[in-house]
Amino acid sequence: MTEAELRRVLPPGLAHHRLEAAENRPAAVLVAVEPGRGVWLTRRSALLPNHAGQVSFPGGKIETDDLSVEAAALREAVEEIGLDVARTEVLGRMDDFITGTGFHISPVVALVRDGGHFAPAAAEVQEIFCLDFATLLDRRLPRPRRAFWRGQEGEFYVWPHPRHVIWGATARILLNLAMRLRELS
């Protein structure tokens, strides 16, 4: 997808549905889209206390001194993947998402240029990789799966990737992004 196409479906000030955090832990993630490539993801370090080794967006806890959700997402992306904010333009936010593990995630969408210049923080990120637009635009994806968790059967989505399992909150946020992107096709 070109930058013009991305701007058409992800316009600045992107409208979103905000949820109340209640007892959930507020977090912000950066959904970094790069024209002509796709969306950037990380594989978390196996040493992290939460979601170790899983695929995620760069992001984390919203700190009390963060001026906004967007500021938190950018700060976390700078810390985790060495994001160059000078090559980044925040477009807006997507719908909030509450995970089964108690996180209230606010996804911030940003346009990045030359994303291949990231530098992972070794203590937090094992790998940085891009999920291409062709996969996101494929209307047969993601694939639904069923599993038991905490004594209940539930459905979740899995995005195909040759080296990674992309599921959980990341898969759901990617699905929301894909639905917007598919408005073009």
N, C-alpha and C. Protein backbone atom coordinates (compact mmCIF):
# COMPACT_ATOMS: atom_id res chain seq x y z
N MET A 1 0.84 -1.17 0.00
CA MET A 1 0.00 0.00 0.00
C MET A 1 0.88 1.23 0.00
N THR A 2 0.46 2.20 -0.76
CA THR A 2 1.21 3.44 -0.84
C THR A 2 0.86 4.36 0.33
N GLU A 3 1.64 5.41 0.50
CA GLU A 3 1.34 6.37 1.55
C GLU A 3 -0.02 7.03 1.32
N ALA A 4 -0.34 7.35 0.07
CA ALA A 4 -1.63 7.98 -0.23
C ALA A 4 -2.79 7.04 0.14
N GLU A 5 -2.66 5.76 -0.17
CA GLU A 5 -3.71 4.80 0.18
C GLU A 5 -3.85 4.68 1.70
N LEU A 6 -2.72 4.62 2.39
CA LEU A 6 -2.75 4.52 3.85
C LEU A 6 -3.42 5.75 4.45
N ARG A 7 -3.10 6.92 3.93
CA ARG A 7 -3.69 8.16 4.46
C ARG A 7 -5.20 8.21 4.21
N ARG A 8 -5.66 7.59 3.15
CA ARG A 8 -7.09 7.59 2.85
C ARG A 8 -7.87 6.77 3.88
N VAL A 9 -7.33 5.62 4.28
CA VAL A 9 -8.06 4.77 5.23
C VAL A 9 -7.64 5.00 6.68
N LEU A 10 -6.50 5.64 6.87
CA LEU A 10 -6.01 5.96 8.22
C LEU A 10 -5.74 7.47 8.30
N PRO A 11 -6.77 8.29 8.16
CA PRO A 11 -6.55 9.74 8.13
C PRO A 11 -6.11 10.29 9.48
N PRO A 12 -5.37 11.42 9.48
CA PRO A 12 -5.01 12.04 10.76
C PRO A 12 -6.26 12.27 11.60
N GLY A 13 -6.15 12.07 12.91
CA GLY A 13 -7.29 12.22 13.79
C GLY A 13 -8.20 11.01 13.75
N LEU A 14 -7.67 9.89 13.33
CA LEU A 14 -8.40 8.64 13.21
C LEU A 14 -9.35 8.43 14.39
N ALA A 15 -10.63 8.29 14.10
CA ALA A 15 -11.62 8.11 15.16
C ALA A 15 -11.47 6.73 15.79
N HIS A 16 -11.79 6.65 17.07
CA HIS A 16 -11.66 5.38 17.78
C HIS A 16 -12.69 5.31 18.89
N HIS A 17 -12.90 4.10 19.36
CA HIS A 17 -13.80 3.86 20.48
C HIS A 17 -12.94 3.68 21.72
N ARG A 18 -13.14 4.55 22.71
CA ARG A 18 -12.36 4.49 23.94
C ARG A 18 -13.15 3.75 25.02
N LEU A 19 -12.46 2.86 25.69
CA LEU A 19 -13.05 2.12 26.80
C LEU A 19 -12.55 2.68 28.12
N GLU A 20 -13.32 2.50 29.16
CA GLU A 20 -12.86 2.90 30.50
C GLU A 20 -11.94 1.81 31.03
N ALA A 21 -10.84 2.20 31.62
CA ALA A 21 -9.83 1.25 32.07
C ALA A 21 -10.26 0.45 33.29
N ALA A 22 -11.03 1.04 34.18
CA ALA A 22 -11.45 0.39 35.42
C ALA A 22 -10.24 -0.20 36.14
N GLU A 23 -10.30 -1.49 36.48
CA GLU A 23 -9.19 -2.10 37.23
C GLU A 23 -8.07 -2.60 36.31
N ASN A 24 -8.24 -2.48 35.01
CA ASN A 24 -7.22 -2.96 34.07
C ASN A 24 -6.03 -2.01 34.01
N ARG A 25 -4.87 -2.56 33.69
CA ARG A 25 -3.64 -1.78 33.62
C ARG A 25 -3.55 -1.08 32.27
N PRO A 26 -3.52 0.28 32.24
CA PRO A 26 -3.47 1.01 30.98
C PRO A 26 -2.13 0.86 30.27
N ALA A 27 -2.20 0.58 28.98
CA ALA A 27 -1.01 0.42 28.16
C ALA A 27 -1.27 1.05 26.78
N ALA A 28 -0.20 1.45 26.14
CA ALA A 28 -0.29 2.00 24.78
C ALA A 28 0.68 1.23 23.89
N VAL A 29 0.24 0.93 22.68
CA VAL A 29 1.11 0.27 21.70
C VAL A 29 1.16 1.12 20.44
N LEU A 30 2.27 1.01 19.72
CA LEU A 30 2.43 1.74 18.47
C LEU A 30 2.21 0.78 17.31
N VAL A 31 1.19 1.06 16.51
CA VAL A 31 0.90 0.31 15.29
C VAL A 31 1.60 1.08 14.18
N ALA A 32 2.85 0.72 13.93
CA ALA A 32 3.70 1.45 12.99
C ALA A 32 3.55 0.85 11.59
N VAL A 33 2.92 1.59 10.68
CA VAL A 33 2.73 1.13 9.31
C VAL A 33 3.73 1.86 8.41
N GLU A 34 4.33 1.09 7.53
CA GLU A 34 5.29 1.67 6.59
C GLU A 34 4.79 1.47 5.16
N PRO A 35 4.61 2.57 4.41
CA PRO A 35 4.15 2.45 3.03
C PRO A 35 5.03 1.48 2.23
N GLY A 36 4.35 0.64 1.44
CA GLY A 36 5.07 -0.30 0.60
C GLY A 36 5.57 -1.55 1.30
N ARG A 37 5.45 -1.62 2.62
CA ARG A 37 5.97 -2.77 3.35
C ARG A 37 4.90 -3.47 4.18
N GLY A 38 4.41 -2.80 5.23
CA GLY A 38 3.45 -3.43 6.11
C GLY A 38 3.48 -2.81 7.48
N VAL A 39 3.20 -3.63 8.49
CA VAL A 39 3.16 -3.15 9.88
C VAL A 39 4.30 -3.82 10.66
N TRP A 40 4.97 -3.02 11.49
CA TRP A 40 6.12 -3.50 12.25
C TRP A 40 5.69 -4.11 13.57
N LEU A 41 6.28 -5.27 13.87
CA LEU A 41 5.98 -6.02 15.09
C LEU A 41 7.29 -6.40 15.78
N THR A 42 7.16 -6.81 17.03
CA THR A 42 8.33 -7.29 17.76
C THR A 42 8.06 -8.69 18.30
N ARG A 43 9.13 -9.38 18.53
CA ARG A 43 9.05 -10.61 19.32
C ARG A 43 9.71 -10.27 20.64
N ARG A 44 8.93 -10.37 21.70
CA ARG A 44 9.39 -9.97 23.02
C ARG A 44 10.47 -10.91 23.55
N SER A 45 11.35 -10.37 24.35
CA SER A 45 12.41 -11.16 24.97
C SER A 45 11.80 -12.28 25.82
N ALA A 46 12.46 -13.40 25.84
CA ALA A 46 12.02 -14.54 26.65
C ALA A 46 12.21 -14.26 28.14
N LEU A 47 12.91 -13.20 28.49
CA LEU A 47 13.20 -12.89 29.89
C LEU A 47 12.19 -11.93 30.53
N LEU A 48 11.24 -11.44 29.76
CA LEU A 48 10.26 -10.48 30.29
C LEU A 48 9.24 -11.18 31.20
N PRO A 49 8.73 -10.47 32.23
CA PRO A 49 7.78 -11.10 33.15
C PRO A 49 6.39 -11.29 32.55
N ASN A 50 5.99 -10.48 31.57
CA ASN A 50 4.68 -10.60 30.95
C ASN A 50 4.82 -10.90 29.46
N HIS A 51 4.12 -11.90 29.00
CA HIS A 51 4.04 -12.24 27.57
C HIS A 51 5.42 -12.48 26.95
N ALA A 52 6.28 -13.14 27.69
CA ALA A 52 7.64 -13.43 27.22
C ALA A 52 7.62 -14.23 25.92
N GLY A 53 8.45 -13.83 24.98
CA GLY A 53 8.61 -14.53 23.71
C GLY A 53 7.46 -14.37 22.73
N GLN A 54 6.44 -13.62 23.10
CA GLN A 54 5.29 -13.46 22.21
C GLN A 54 5.49 -12.31 21.24
N VAL A 55 4.73 -12.35 20.15
CA VAL A 55 4.74 -11.28 19.17
C VAL A 55 3.83 -10.16 19.68
N SER A 56 4.30 -8.94 19.55
CA SER A 56 3.52 -7.80 20.01
C SER A 56 3.88 -6.56 19.20
N PHE A 57 3.14 -5.51 19.46
CA PHE A 57 3.51 -4.19 18.96
C PHE A 57 4.46 -3.59 19.98
N PRO A 58 5.33 -2.67 19.56
CA PRO A 58 6.11 -1.97 20.57
C PRO A 58 5.16 -1.19 21.47
N GLY A 59 5.39 -1.22 22.76
CA GLY A 59 4.51 -0.49 23.67
C GLY A 59 4.62 -1.00 25.07
N GLY A 60 3.81 -0.42 25.94
CA GLY A 60 3.83 -0.83 27.32
C GLY A 60 3.00 0.08 28.18
N LYS A 61 3.29 0.06 29.46
CA LYS A 61 2.53 0.77 30.48
C LYS A 61 2.52 2.28 30.22
N ILE A 62 1.35 2.89 30.42
CA ILE A 62 1.25 4.35 30.35
C ILE A 62 1.70 4.88 31.71
N GLU A 63 2.75 5.67 31.71
CA GLU A 63 3.32 6.23 32.93
C GLU A 63 2.59 7.51 33.32
N THR A 64 2.63 7.87 34.60
CA THR A 64 1.94 9.08 35.07
C THR A 64 2.49 10.35 34.44
N ASP A 65 3.76 10.35 34.02
CA ASP A 65 4.31 11.56 33.41
C ASP A 65 4.16 11.59 31.88
N ASP A 66 3.53 10.58 31.29
CA ASP A 66 3.22 10.63 29.86
C ASP A 66 2.11 11.65 29.64
N LEU A 67 2.30 12.56 28.72
CA LEU A 67 1.32 13.61 28.48
C LEU A 67 0.06 13.12 27.79
N SER A 68 0.17 11.98 27.09
CA SER A 68 -0.98 11.42 26.37
C SER A 68 -0.71 9.96 26.07
N VAL A 69 -1.74 9.29 25.59
CA VAL A 69 -1.59 7.91 25.13
C VAL A 69 -0.59 7.86 23.99
N GLU A 70 -0.69 8.82 23.08
CA GLU A 70 0.22 8.88 21.93
C GLU A 70 1.67 9.04 22.40
N ALA A 71 1.88 9.92 23.39
CA ALA A 71 3.23 10.13 23.93
C ALA A 71 3.77 8.84 24.55
N ALA A 72 2.91 8.10 25.24
CA ALA A 72 3.33 6.84 25.85
C ALA A 72 3.73 5.83 24.79
N ALA A 73 2.93 5.71 23.73
CA ALA A 73 3.24 4.75 22.66
C ALA A 73 4.56 5.11 21.98
N LEU A 74 4.78 6.38 21.71
CA LEU A 74 6.03 6.82 21.08
C LEU A 74 7.22 6.58 22.01
N ARG A 75 7.07 6.93 23.29
CA ARG A 75 8.16 6.72 24.26
C ARG A 75 8.56 5.26 24.31
N GLU A 76 7.56 4.39 24.42
CA GLU A 76 7.83 2.95 24.48
C GLU A 76 8.51 2.46 23.21
N ALA A 77 8.07 2.95 22.04
CA ALA A 77 8.67 2.52 20.77
C ALA A 77 10.11 3.01 20.64
N VAL A 78 10.39 4.20 21.14
CA VAL A 78 11.77 4.69 21.15
C VAL A 78 12.62 3.78 22.03
N GLU A 79 12.11 3.45 23.22
CA GLU A 79 12.85 2.60 24.16
C GLU A 79 13.06 1.19 23.62
N GLU A 80 12.02 0.60 23.03
CA GLU A 80 12.07 -0.81 22.64
C GLU A 80 12.72 -1.07 21.29
N ILE A 81 12.42 -0.23 20.30
CA ILE A 81 12.91 -0.52 18.94
C ILE A 81 13.77 0.59 18.35
N GLY A 82 14.06 1.64 19.14
CA GLY A 82 14.87 2.73 18.64
C GLY A 82 14.15 3.54 17.57
N LEU A 83 12.84 3.67 17.69
CA LEU A 83 12.05 4.43 16.72
C LEU A 83 12.61 5.84 16.56
N ASP A 84 12.75 6.29 15.33
CA ASP A 84 13.17 7.65 15.03
C ASP A 84 11.89 8.48 14.88
N VAL A 85 11.56 9.26 15.91
CA VAL A 85 10.31 10.03 15.88
C VAL A 85 10.31 11.07 14.77
N ALA A 86 11.48 11.47 14.29
CA ALA A 86 11.55 12.43 13.19
C ALA A 86 11.02 11.81 11.88
N ARG A 87 11.02 10.49 11.80
CA ARG A 87 10.52 9.78 10.61
C ARG A 87 9.15 9.16 10.86
N THR A 88 8.47 9.66 11.89
CA THR A 88 7.20 9.07 12.32
C THR A 88 6.13 10.14 12.40
N GLU A 89 4.94 9.81 11.91
CA GLU A 89 3.80 10.72 12.00
C GLU A 89 2.62 9.99 12.62
N VAL A 90 2.20 10.44 13.79
CA VAL A 90 1.05 9.83 14.44
C VAL A 90 -0.20 10.22 13.66
N LEU A 91 -1.00 9.21 13.29
CA LEU A 91 -2.23 9.45 12.55
C LEU A 91 -3.45 9.46 13.46
N GLY A 92 -3.40 8.73 14.55
CA GLY A 92 -4.54 8.66 15.46
C GLY A 92 -4.55 7.36 16.21
N ARG A 93 -5.73 7.01 16.73
CA ARG A 93 -5.84 5.79 17.51
C ARG A 93 -6.91 4.88 16.94
N MET A 94 -6.73 3.59 17.20
CA MET A 94 -7.75 2.60 16.88
C MET A 94 -8.50 2.29 18.17
N ASP A 95 -9.54 1.47 18.05
CA ASP A 95 -10.35 1.13 19.21
C ASP A 95 -9.52 0.51 20.32
N ASP A 96 -9.82 0.91 21.56
CA ASP A 96 -9.17 0.32 22.72
C ASP A 96 -9.51 -1.16 22.79
N PHE A 97 -8.67 -1.90 23.49
CA PHE A 97 -8.82 -3.35 23.60
C PHE A 97 -8.45 -3.77 25.01
N ILE A 98 -9.28 -4.58 25.63
CA ILE A 98 -8.98 -5.10 26.97
C ILE A 98 -8.68 -6.58 26.85
N THR A 99 -7.52 -6.97 27.37
CA THR A 99 -7.07 -8.35 27.25
C THR A 99 -7.60 -9.20 28.40
N GLY A 100 -7.56 -10.49 28.19
CA GLY A 100 -7.94 -11.42 29.24
C GLY A 100 -6.96 -11.44 30.40
N THR A 101 -5.77 -10.84 30.19
CA THR A 101 -4.76 -10.80 31.25
C THR A 101 -4.76 -9.47 32.00
N GLY A 102 -5.78 -8.63 31.75
CA GLY A 102 -5.95 -7.42 32.55
C GLY A 102 -5.30 -6.16 32.04
N PHE A 103 -4.93 -6.12 30.77
CA PHE A 103 -4.36 -4.90 30.20
C PHE A 103 -5.42 -4.17 29.38
N HIS A 104 -5.45 -2.85 29.49
CA HIS A 104 -6.31 -1.98 28.69
C HIS A 104 -5.39 -1.32 27.67
N ILE A 105 -5.44 -1.81 26.44
CA ILE A 105 -4.51 -1.37 25.40
C ILE A 105 -5.15 -0.32 24.52
N SER A 106 -4.41 0.78 24.33
CA SER A 106 -4.81 1.83 23.40
C SER A 106 -3.83 1.80 22.23
N PRO A 107 -4.27 1.32 21.05
CA PRO A 107 -3.38 1.27 19.88
C PRO A 107 -3.29 2.62 19.18
N VAL A 108 -2.07 3.09 19.02
CA VAL A 108 -1.79 4.36 18.34
C VAL A 108 -1.21 4.03 16.96
N VAL A 109 -1.85 4.55 15.92
CA VAL A 109 -1.40 4.28 14.55
C VAL A 109 -0.45 5.39 14.11
N ALA A 110 0.68 4.99 13.55
CA ALA A 110 1.65 5.96 13.06
C ALA A 110 2.21 5.51 11.72
N LEU A 111 2.48 6.47 10.89
CA LEU A 111 3.12 6.25 9.61
C LEU A 111 4.62 6.38 9.83
N VAL A 112 5.39 5.35 9.45
CA VAL A 112 6.85 5.42 9.60
C VAL A 112 7.50 5.31 8.23
N ARG A 113 8.62 5.95 8.11
CA ARG A 113 9.38 5.89 6.87
C ARG A 113 10.72 5.21 7.16
N ASP A 114 11.17 4.40 6.24
CA ASP A 114 12.47 3.72 6.39
C ASP A 114 12.58 2.95 7.70
N GLY A 115 11.56 2.14 7.99
CA GLY A 115 11.50 1.41 9.24
C GLY A 115 12.62 0.42 9.45
N GLY A 116 13.34 0.06 8.39
CA GLY A 116 14.41 -0.91 8.52
C GLY A 116 15.57 -0.44 9.36
N HIS A 117 15.50 0.77 9.89
CA HIS A 117 16.59 1.32 10.69
C HIS A 117 16.36 1.19 12.19
N PHE A 118 15.51 0.26 12.59
CA PHE A 118 15.22 0.05 14.01
C PHE A 118 16.40 -0.62 14.70
N ALA A 119 16.46 -0.43 16.01
CA ALA A 119 17.49 -1.07 16.83
C ALA A 119 16.80 -1.62 18.08
N PRO A 120 16.69 -2.96 18.20
CA PRO A 120 15.97 -3.53 19.34
C PRO A 120 16.72 -3.36 20.66
N ALA A 121 15.97 -3.07 21.72
CA ALA A 121 16.53 -3.05 23.07
C ALA A 121 16.63 -4.51 23.52
N ALA A 122 17.84 -5.01 23.66
CA ALA A 122 18.06 -6.43 23.92
C ALA A 122 17.32 -6.96 25.14
N ALA A 123 17.14 -6.15 26.16
CA ALA A 123 16.47 -6.61 27.38
C ALA A 123 14.97 -6.82 27.17
N GLU A 124 14.42 -6.19 26.14
CA GLU A 124 12.96 -6.25 25.93
C GLU A 124 12.54 -6.90 24.62
N VAL A 125 13.37 -6.76 23.58
CA VAL A 125 12.96 -7.19 22.25
C VAL A 125 13.98 -8.16 21.67
N GLN A 126 13.48 -9.31 21.27
CA GLN A 126 14.35 -10.32 20.66
C GLN A 126 14.50 -10.08 19.16
N GLU A 127 13.41 -9.59 18.53
CA GLU A 127 13.43 -9.41 17.07
C GLU A 127 12.39 -8.37 16.67
N ILE A 128 12.70 -7.65 15.60
CA ILE A 128 11.77 -6.71 14.98
C ILE A 128 11.53 -7.22 13.56
N PHE A 129 10.25 -7.33 13.17
CA PHE A 129 9.95 -7.81 11.83
C PHE A 129 8.69 -7.15 11.30
N CYS A 130 8.49 -7.26 10.00
CA CYS A 130 7.37 -6.61 9.33
C CYS A 130 6.38 -7.66 8.82
N LEU A 131 5.10 -7.46 9.10
CA LEU A 131 4.04 -8.28 8.53
C LEU A 131 3.54 -7.53 7.31
N ASP A 132 3.66 -8.13 6.14
CA ASP A 132 3.40 -7.41 4.89
C ASP A 132 1.92 -7.12 4.66
N PHE A 133 1.67 -6.12 3.82
CA PHE A 133 0.30 -5.72 3.51
C PHE A 133 -0.48 -6.82 2.80
N ALA A 134 0.19 -7.64 1.99
CA ALA A 134 -0.51 -8.72 1.28
C ALA A 134 -1.20 -9.65 2.28
N THR A 135 -0.53 -9.95 3.37
CA THR A 135 -1.12 -10.81 4.40
C THR A 135 -2.30 -10.10 5.07
N LEU A 136 -2.13 -8.83 5.39
CA LEU A 136 -3.21 -8.07 6.04
C LEU A 136 -4.42 -7.91 5.14
N LEU A 137 -4.20 -7.82 3.84
CA LEU A 137 -5.31 -7.61 2.91
C LEU A 137 -6.00 -8.90 2.49
N ASP A 138 -5.41 -10.04 2.80
CA ASP A 138 -6.00 -11.33 2.43
C ASP A 138 -7.26 -11.58 3.26
N ARG A 139 -8.40 -11.57 2.61
CA ARG A 139 -9.70 -11.68 3.31
C ARG A 139 -9.92 -13.05 3.94
N ARG A 140 -9.08 -14.02 3.65
CA ARG A 140 -9.19 -15.35 4.28
C ARG A 140 -8.48 -15.39 5.63
N LEU A 141 -7.82 -14.31 5.97
CA LEU A 141 -7.02 -14.26 7.20
C LEU A 141 -7.57 -13.21 8.15
N PRO A 142 -7.32 -13.35 9.43
CA PRO A 142 -6.58 -14.40 10.10
C PRO A 142 -7.44 -15.66 10.25
N ARG A 143 -6.81 -16.72 10.70
CA ARG A 143 -7.52 -17.99 10.88
C ARG A 143 -8.04 -18.10 12.31
N PRO A 144 -9.31 -18.45 12.46
CA PRO A 144 -9.84 -18.61 13.82
C PRO A 144 -9.38 -19.94 14.43
N ARG A 145 -9.14 -19.92 15.72
CA ARG A 145 -8.77 -21.11 16.47
C ARG A 145 -9.58 -21.15 17.75
N ARG A 146 -9.71 -22.33 18.32
CA ARG A 146 -10.42 -22.49 19.60
C ARG A 146 -9.47 -23.18 20.58
N ALA A 147 -9.58 -22.75 21.83
CA ALA A 147 -8.76 -23.36 22.87
C ALA A 147 -9.42 -23.14 24.22
N PHE A 148 -8.99 -23.94 25.21
CA PHE A 148 -9.47 -23.77 26.57
C PHE A 148 -8.48 -22.90 27.34
N TRP A 149 -9.00 -21.93 28.07
CA TRP A 149 -8.17 -21.06 28.89
C TRP A 149 -8.98 -20.69 30.13
N ARG A 150 -8.38 -20.91 31.29
CA ARG A 150 -9.05 -20.64 32.56
C ARG A 150 -10.39 -21.37 32.66
N GLY A 151 -10.40 -22.59 32.16
CA GLY A 151 -11.58 -23.45 32.27
C GLY A 151 -12.69 -23.18 31.28
N GLN A 152 -12.47 -22.27 30.33
CA GLN A 152 -13.50 -21.97 29.35
C GLN A 152 -12.94 -22.06 27.94
N GLU A 153 -13.79 -22.51 27.02
CA GLU A 153 -13.38 -22.57 25.62
C GLU A 153 -13.62 -21.20 25.00
N GLY A 154 -12.69 -20.75 24.22
CA GLY A 154 -12.82 -19.46 23.55
C GLY A 154 -12.20 -19.49 22.18
N GLU A 155 -12.59 -18.51 21.38
CA GLU A 155 -12.05 -18.39 20.03
C GLU A 155 -11.04 -17.25 19.99
N PHE A 156 -9.98 -17.45 19.24
CA PHE A 156 -8.98 -16.40 19.04
C PHE A 156 -8.48 -16.51 17.61
N TYR A 157 -7.73 -15.54 17.17
CA TYR A 157 -7.24 -15.50 15.79
C TYR A 157 -5.73 -15.70 15.76
N VAL A 158 -5.28 -16.28 14.64
CA VAL A 158 -3.85 -16.47 14.40
C VAL A 158 -3.55 -15.98 12.99
N TRP A 159 -2.57 -15.10 12.89
CA TRP A 159 -2.09 -14.63 11.58
C TRP A 159 -0.93 -15.52 11.15
N PRO A 160 -0.92 -15.96 9.90
CA PRO A 160 0.19 -16.81 9.45
C PRO A 160 1.48 -16.01 9.27
N HIS A 161 2.56 -16.63 9.63
CA HIS A 161 3.89 -16.05 9.43
C HIS A 161 4.87 -17.22 9.41
N PRO A 162 5.89 -17.17 8.56
CA PRO A 162 6.80 -18.32 8.47
C PRO A 162 7.61 -18.61 9.73
N ARG A 163 7.84 -17.60 10.59
CA ARG A 163 8.69 -17.82 11.78
C ARG A 163 8.01 -17.55 13.12
N HIS A 164 6.83 -16.96 13.09
CA HIS A 164 6.22 -16.52 14.34
C HIS A 164 4.75 -16.92 14.43
N VAL A 165 4.28 -17.06 15.66
CA VAL A 165 2.85 -17.26 15.91
C VAL A 165 2.31 -15.90 16.37
N ILE A 166 1.40 -15.34 15.58
CA ILE A 166 0.83 -14.03 15.90
C ILE A 166 -0.60 -14.26 16.33
N TRP A 167 -0.85 -14.08 17.63
CA TRP A 167 -2.17 -14.37 18.19
C TRP A 167 -2.48 -13.37 19.30
N GLY A 168 -3.57 -13.60 20.02
CA GLY A 168 -3.93 -12.79 21.17
C GLY A 168 -4.31 -11.37 20.80
N ALA A 169 -3.98 -10.44 21.70
CA ALA A 169 -4.33 -9.03 21.50
C ALA A 169 -3.69 -8.49 20.23
N THR A 170 -2.48 -8.92 19.94
CA THR A 170 -1.80 -8.45 18.73
C THR A 170 -2.59 -8.86 17.50
N ALA A 171 -3.04 -10.09 17.45
CA ALA A 171 -3.82 -10.58 16.31
C ALA A 171 -5.13 -9.81 16.17
N ARG A 172 -5.78 -9.52 17.29
CA ARG A 172 -7.05 -8.80 17.27
C ARG A 172 -6.86 -7.36 16.78
N ILE A 173 -5.81 -6.70 17.24
CA ILE A 173 -5.52 -5.34 16.79
C ILE A 173 -5.17 -5.35 15.30
N LEU A 174 -4.40 -6.36 14.87
CA LEU A 174 -4.09 -6.49 13.43
C LEU A 174 -5.35 -6.70 12.62
N LEU A 175 -6.31 -7.47 13.14
CA LEU A 175 -7.57 -7.67 12.44
C LEU A 175 -8.32 -6.34 12.29
N ASN A 176 -8.36 -5.54 13.35
CA ASN A 176 -9.00 -4.23 13.27
C ASN A 176 -8.32 -3.35 12.22
N LEU A 177 -6.99 -3.39 12.19
CA LEU A 177 -6.24 -2.64 11.18
C LEU A 177 -6.56 -3.17 9.78
N ALA A 178 -6.54 -4.49 9.63
CA ALA A 178 -6.82 -5.10 8.33
C ALA A 178 -8.20 -4.73 7.81
N MET A 179 -9.19 -4.69 8.70
CA MET A 179 -10.56 -4.32 8.27
C MET A 179 -10.58 -2.91 7.69
N ARG A 180 -9.83 -1.99 8.29
CA ARG A 180 -9.74 -0.63 7.75
C ARG A 180 -9.02 -0.63 6.41
N LEU A 181 -7.93 -1.35 6.32
CA LEU A 181 -7.14 -1.38 5.09
C LEU A 181 -7.92 -2.02 3.94
N ARG A 182 -8.74 -2.99 4.27
CA ARG A 182 -9.51 -3.69 3.24
C ARG A 182 -10.61 -2.83 2.64
N GLU A 183 -10.89 -1.70 3.25
CA GLU A 183 -11.88 -0.78 2.69
C GLU A 183 -11.44 -0.28 1.31
N LEU A 184 -10.15 -0.34 1.04
CA LEU A 184 -9.62 0.09 -0.27
C LEU A 184 -9.79 -0.94 -1.34
N SER A 185 -9.78 -2.21 -0.94
CA SER A 185 -9.78 -3.27 -1.95
C SER A 185 -11.16 -3.85 -2.18
